[in-house]
Protein backbone atom coordinates (compact mmCIF):
# COMPACT_ATOMS: atom_id res chain seq x y z
CA UNK A 1 -1.05 7.24 -28.22
CA UNK A 2 -1.22 3.56 -27.27
CA UNK A 3 0.22 2.19 -23.87
CA UNK A 4 0.51 -1.14 -22.48
CA UNK A 5 -1.22 -1.74 -19.10
CA UNK A 6 -1.11 -4.54 -16.67
CA UNK A 7 -3.40 -5.06 -13.82
CA UNK A 8 -1.74 -7.08 -11.09
CA UNK A 9 -3.17 -8.46 -7.56
CA UNK A 10 -0.35 -7.69 -4.94
CA UNK A 11 0.25 -9.29 -1.50
CA UNK A 12 -1.50 -12.46 -2.46
CA UNK A 13 -0.85 -15.67 -4.08
CA UNK A 14 -4.31 -16.09 -5.83
CA UNK A 15 -6.13 -13.74 -8.40
CA UNK A 16 -9.04 -11.64 -6.82
CA UNK A 17 -7.18 -11.41 -3.60
CA UNK A 18 -4.81 -8.80 -2.36
CA UNK A 19 -4.83 -5.42 -3.66
CA UNK A 20 -5.17 -4.65 -7.32
CA UNK A 21 -2.77 -2.21 -9.16
CA UNK A 22 -2.59 -1.05 -12.65
CA UNK A 23 0.91 -0.64 -13.89
CA UNK A 24 1.84 1.60 -16.92
CA UNK A 25 5.25 1.64 -18.40
CA UNK A 26 6.16 4.69 -20.15
CA UNK A 27 9.20 5.97 -22.29
CA UNK A 28 8.83 9.58 -21.11
CA UNK A 29 6.56 11.36 -18.71
CA UNK A 30 3.13 12.46 -19.75
CA UNK A 31 1.42 15.64 -18.17
CA UNK A 32 0.14 14.94 -14.79
CA UNK A 33 -3.41 15.99 -15.69
CA UNK A 34 -3.26 12.97 -18.06
CA UNK A 35 -1.89 10.64 -15.53
CA UNK A 36 -4.68 11.47 -13.31
CA UNK A 37 -7.24 10.81 -16.05
CA UNK A 38 -5.80 7.36 -16.43
CA UNK A 39 -5.85 6.58 -12.92
CA UNK A 40 -9.33 7.67 -12.52
CA UNK A 41 -10.39 5.43 -15.57
CA UNK A 42 -8.55 2.62 -14.26
CA UNK A 43 -10.75 2.83 -10.98
CA UNK A 44 -8.28 0.70 -8.85
CA UNK A 45 -6.66 2.09 -5.46
CA UNK A 46 -3.41 2.77 -7.43
CA UNK A 47 -1.97 3.07 -10.71
CA UNK A 48 1.88 2.93 -11.10
CA UNK A 49 3.79 4.68 -14.06
CA UNK A 50 7.30 4.04 -14.49
CA UNK A 51 10.20 4.83 -16.76
CA UNK A 52 13.24 2.45 -16.85
CA UNK A 53 16.37 4.63 -17.04
CA UNK A 54 20.00 3.53 -16.60
CA UNK A 55 20.49 1.86 -13.25
CA UNK A 56 17.18 2.85 -11.84
CA UNK A 57 13.52 2.93 -12.28
CA UNK A 58 11.67 6.11 -11.88
CA UNK A 59 8.20 5.28 -10.26
CA UNK A 60 5.29 7.26 -9.60
CA UNK A 61 1.89 6.32 -7.96
CA UNK A 62 -1.50 7.90 -8.58
CA UNK A 63 -4.81 7.14 -6.60
CA UNK A 64 -8.10 8.20 -8.63
CA UNK A 65 -7.71 11.32 -6.37
CA UNK A 66 -4.05 12.24 -5.60
CA UNK A 67 -0.34 11.41 -6.33
CA UNK A 68 1.02 9.41 -3.33
CA UNK A 69 4.38 9.56 -1.79
CA UNK A 70 4.58 6.31 -1.16
CA UNK A 71 2.77 2.94 -2.05
CA UNK A 72 3.76 -0.74 -1.29
CA UNK A 73 1.40 -2.62 -3.38
CA UNK A 74 1.82 -0.85 -6.49
CA UNK A 75 5.81 -0.95 -5.99
CA UNK A 76 5.22 -4.82 -5.73
CA UNK A 77 3.20 -4.87 -8.60
CA UNK A 78 5.65 -2.73 -10.74
CA UNK A 79 8.59 -5.07 -9.69
CA UNK A 80 6.37 -8.02 -10.82
CA UNK A 81 5.62 -6.66 -14.39
CA UNK A 82 9.32 -5.71 -14.79
CA UNK A 83 10.46 -9.48 -13.89
CA UNK A 84 7.30 -11.27 -15.46
CA UNK A 85 6.66 -9.31 -18.70
CA UNK A 86 9.67 -7.03 -19.49
CA UNK A 87 12.56 -9.34 -18.84
CA UNK A 88 14.22 -7.10 -16.43
CA UNK A 89 17.52 -8.92 -15.84
CA UNK A 90 18.70 -7.78 -12.31
CA UNK A 91 17.58 -9.47 -8.98
CA UNK A 92 17.32 -6.16 -7.09
CA UNK A 93 15.47 -3.43 -8.60
CA UNK A 94 16.02 0.26 -7.34
CA UNK A 95 12.92 2.39 -7.75
CA UNK A 96 13.55 6.31 -7.63
CA UNK A 97 10.49 7.81 -5.97
CA UNK A 98 9.24 10.65 -3.94
CA UNK A 99 10.24 8.59 -0.82
CA UNK A 100 13.77 8.33 -2.09
CA UNK A 101 15.34 5.11 -3.39
CA UNK A 102 13.21 2.03 -2.74
CA UNK A 103 14.91 -1.43 -3.42
CA UNK A 104 12.85 -4.43 -4.41
CA UNK A 105 14.68 -7.89 -4.13
CA UNK A 106 13.23 -11.01 -5.89
CA UNK A 107 13.57 -14.24 -4.84
CA UNK A 108 11.59 -16.92 -7.03
CA UNK A 109 8.05 -15.51 -6.75
CA UNK A 110 8.52 -13.43 -3.37
CA UNK A 111 9.17 -9.80 -3.67
CA UNK A 112 10.76 -8.00 -0.73
CA UNK A 113 10.29 -4.24 -0.48
CA UNK A 114 12.86 -2.24 1.46
CA UNK A 115 11.15 0.78 2.75
CA UNK A 116 11.53 3.55 5.17
CA UNK A 117 10.40 2.91 8.78
CA UNK A 118 7.93 5.45 10.09
CA UNK A 119 7.75 5.04 13.69
CA UNK A 120 4.24 6.33 14.92
CA UNK A 121 4.10 8.50 17.87
CA UNK A 122 1.22 8.96 20.75
CA UNK A 123 -1.28 11.72 19.67
CA UNK A 124 -4.90 12.56 20.06
CA UNK A 125 -7.52 11.60 17.86
CA UNK A 126 -9.38 14.20 15.88
CA UNK A 127 -13.05 14.50 16.56
CA UNK A 128 -14.28 13.73 13.35
CA UNK A 129 -12.55 10.46 13.27
CA UNK A 130 -13.58 9.56 16.72
CA UNK A 131 -17.34 10.28 15.77
CA UNK A 132 -16.97 8.38 12.57
CA UNK A 133 -15.90 5.20 14.24
CA UNK A 134 -18.56 2.56 15.71
CA UNK A 135 -16.02 1.55 18.50
CA UNK A 136 -13.04 3.45 20.02
CA UNK A 137 -9.35 2.53 20.05
CA UNK A 138 -7.23 1.85 23.25
CA UNK A 139 -4.34 3.60 21.88
CA UNK A 140 -4.03 6.66 19.28
CA UNK A 141 -0.51 7.14 17.47
CA UNK A 142 0.51 8.85 14.31
CA UNK A 143 3.08 8.93 11.61
CA UNK A 144 1.95 10.01 8.06
CA UNK A 145 -1.18 7.96 8.82
CA UNK A 146 -3.20 7.63 12.15
CA UNK A 147 -2.50 4.23 13.80
CA UNK A 148 -5.48 3.12 16.05
CA UNK A 149 -4.88 0.12 18.09
CA UNK A 150 -7.75 -2.13 19.41
CA UNK A 151 -7.72 -4.92 21.59
CA UNK A 152 -8.65 -7.79 19.36
CA UNK A 153 -8.91 -9.02 15.83
CA UNK A 154 -12.60 -9.12 16.13
CA UNK A 155 -12.77 -5.41 16.86
CA UNK A 156 -10.82 -4.79 13.67
CA UNK A 157 -13.45 -7.05 11.69
CA UNK A 158 -16.21 -5.43 13.12
CA UNK A 159 -15.07 -1.72 12.37
CA UNK A 160 -17.80 0.51 10.80
CA UNK A 161 -17.06 3.89 9.47
CA UNK A 162 -19.75 6.52 9.32
CA UNK A 163 -18.47 8.04 5.90
CA UNK A 164 -20.69 11.30 6.14
CA UNK A 165 -18.63 12.06 9.21
CA UNK A 166 -15.51 10.64 8.28
CA UNK A 167 -15.12 12.59 4.93
CA UNK A 168 -15.22 15.82 7.00
CA UNK A 169 -11.50 15.64 7.48
CA UNK A 170 -8.73 15.87 5.08
CA UNK A 171 -5.64 13.60 5.80
CA UNK A 172 -4.15 14.19 2.40
CA UNK A 173 -2.06 12.03 1.48
CA UNK A 174 -2.56 9.90 4.76
CA UNK A 175 -5.18 7.62 6.08
CA UNK A 176 -6.33 5.79 9.03
CA UNK A 177 -5.20 2.35 10.00
CA UNK A 178 -6.80 0.10 12.71
CA UNK A 179 -4.95 -2.66 13.97
CA UNK A 180 -4.78 -5.56 16.53
CA UNK A 181 -2.80 -8.51 17.59
CA UNK A 182 -3.92 -11.32 15.31
CA UNK A 183 -5.65 -14.70 16.01
CA UNK A 184 -3.52 -16.61 13.60
CA UNK A 185 -0.71 -13.98 12.79
CA UNK A 186 1.21 -11.60 14.53
CA UNK A 187 -0.98 -8.56 13.74
CA UNK A 188 -3.85 -7.63 11.54
CA UNK A 189 -4.99 -4.31 10.20
CA UNK A 190 -7.48 -2.42 7.91
CA UNK A 191 -6.97 1.01 6.34
CA UNK A 192 -9.42 3.92 5.41
CA UNK A 193 -8.97 7.07 3.55
CA UNK A 194 -11.51 9.94 4.13
CA UNK A 195 -12.49 11.87 1.01
CA UNK A 196 -11.12 9.29 -1.44
CA UNK A 197 -13.01 7.41 -4.18
CA UNK A 198 -12.05 4.25 -2.50
CA UNK A 199 -12.79 4.19 1.34
CA UNK A 200 -11.17 1.10 2.26
CA UNK A 201 -7.81 0.07 0.85
CA UNK A 202 -7.55 -3.84 0.50
CA UNK A 203 -3.70 -3.97 1.21
CA UNK A 204 -1.70 -1.10 2.17
CA UNK A 205 2.14 -1.70 2.13
CA UNK A 206 2.99 1.75 3.04
CA UNK A 207 0.79 1.47 6.25
CA UNK A 208 3.35 -1.33 7.36
CA UNK A 209 6.03 1.28 7.48
CA UNK A 210 4.45 2.16 10.87
CA UNK A 211 2.96 -1.07 11.67
CA UNK A 212 6.13 -2.97 11.54
CA UNK A 213 8.11 -1.05 14.17
CA UNK A 214 5.10 -0.67 16.41
CA UNK A 215 4.44 -4.23 16.63
CA UNK A 216 8.03 -5.28 16.62
CA UNK A 217 8.34 -3.19 19.93
CA UNK A 218 5.12 -4.55 21.54
CA UNK A 219 5.68 -8.18 20.52
CA UNK A 220 9.36 -8.18 20.81
CA UNK A 221 9.91 -9.73 17.44
CA UNK A 222 11.68 -8.53 14.42
CA UNK A 223 10.30 -10.97 11.87
CA UNK A 224 6.37 -11.17 11.87
CA UNK A 225 3.59 -12.39 9.70
CA UNK A 226 0.72 -9.86 9.12
CA UNK A 227 -2.61 -9.69 7.41
CA UNK A 228 -4.66 -7.09 6.36
CA UNK A 229 -8.12 -8.25 6.70
CA UNK A 230 -10.20 -6.40 4.15
CA UNK A 231 -12.66 -8.41 2.08
CA UNK A 232 -9.78 -9.31 -0.31
CA UNK A 233 -7.31 -10.26 2.44
CA UNK A 234 -3.69 -9.32 2.02
CA UNK A 235 -0.68 -11.46 3.24
CA UNK A 236 2.72 -9.79 4.32
CA UNK A 237 5.95 -11.01 5.62
CA UNK A 238 7.51 -8.26 7.81
CA UNK A 239 10.92 -7.59 9.26
CA UNK A 240 12.03 -4.72 11.48
CA UNK A 241 15.42 -3.55 10.65
CA UNK A 242 15.79 -0.16 12.48
CA UNK A 243 15.42 2.70 10.16
CA UNK A 244 14.06 0.71 7.44
CA UNK A 245 11.35 -2.06 7.17
CA UNK A 246 11.32 -5.15 4.76
CA UNK A 247 7.82 -6.06 3.50
CA UNK A 248 7.48 -9.37 1.34
CA UNK A 249 4.67 -10.48 -0.63
CA UNK A 250 3.63 -12.28 -3.78
CA UNK A 251 1.44 -11.20 -6.79
CA UNK A 252 -0.66 -12.55 -9.57
CA UNK A 253 -1.64 -11.25 -12.97
CA UNK A 254 -5.21 -10.44 -13.66
CA UNK A 255 -4.94 -8.81 -16.99
CA UNK A 256 -2.75 -7.59 -19.68
CA UNK A 257 -3.87 -5.05 -22.36
CA UNK A 258 -3.45 -1.66 -23.88
CA UNK A 259 -5.33 1.54 -24.08
CA UNK A 260 -5.12 4.77 -26.18
CA UNK A 261 -4.95 8.23 -24.66
CA UNK A 262 -6.50 10.06 -27.84
């Protein structure tokens, strides 16, 4: 079977920035085992598979290791492929997903994701995570992911993870967000996943489901600019909307091709 594939850099306005996602349109669902094999072969943080059906687009996300319940950058990449390559006519795309219906609005080259808010609450940090960090946070919270708050952007840039210790904990399907107020933006972050093929996710849209309500409360601002300061750097425009968050960004095409499953 021959399938089309698009590799898209999301939450960036230039190639080699943001977070790479592979997008594979399907006409019918393949076995999960095959979907995992494709995701592993692609070796990017996330591969998105979708089927256009009537008024909605059924969307699923796979890392090389697990199927995710929510992924921002691969949702943005999927919307980009629908508009840029598949001539999808609607300005609002409704994705049917494990996290319910997700709406992506398109305004020129800006894609806005309407995602559920996941307000983090105070908690204790597991010892394995504490031991894996070279410096400790000033506050620990959790929603799907652990949210570790630090004093400065410099602290976030200097975070180091002892992977041998870090991988002792299984947070499937979550991860660890480290965050602080930004020097040139409202807030910055990085994202790490234990026991994953890719330790640091370059840009994590779903993490901002927790970061946006947290920083909106701290900064007393509903609209914010955020950066995920991985090596590839991600740029996100954020808005807090009660039980929903709006996450906006751009995308660029890295490659377009096809592959065979047999």
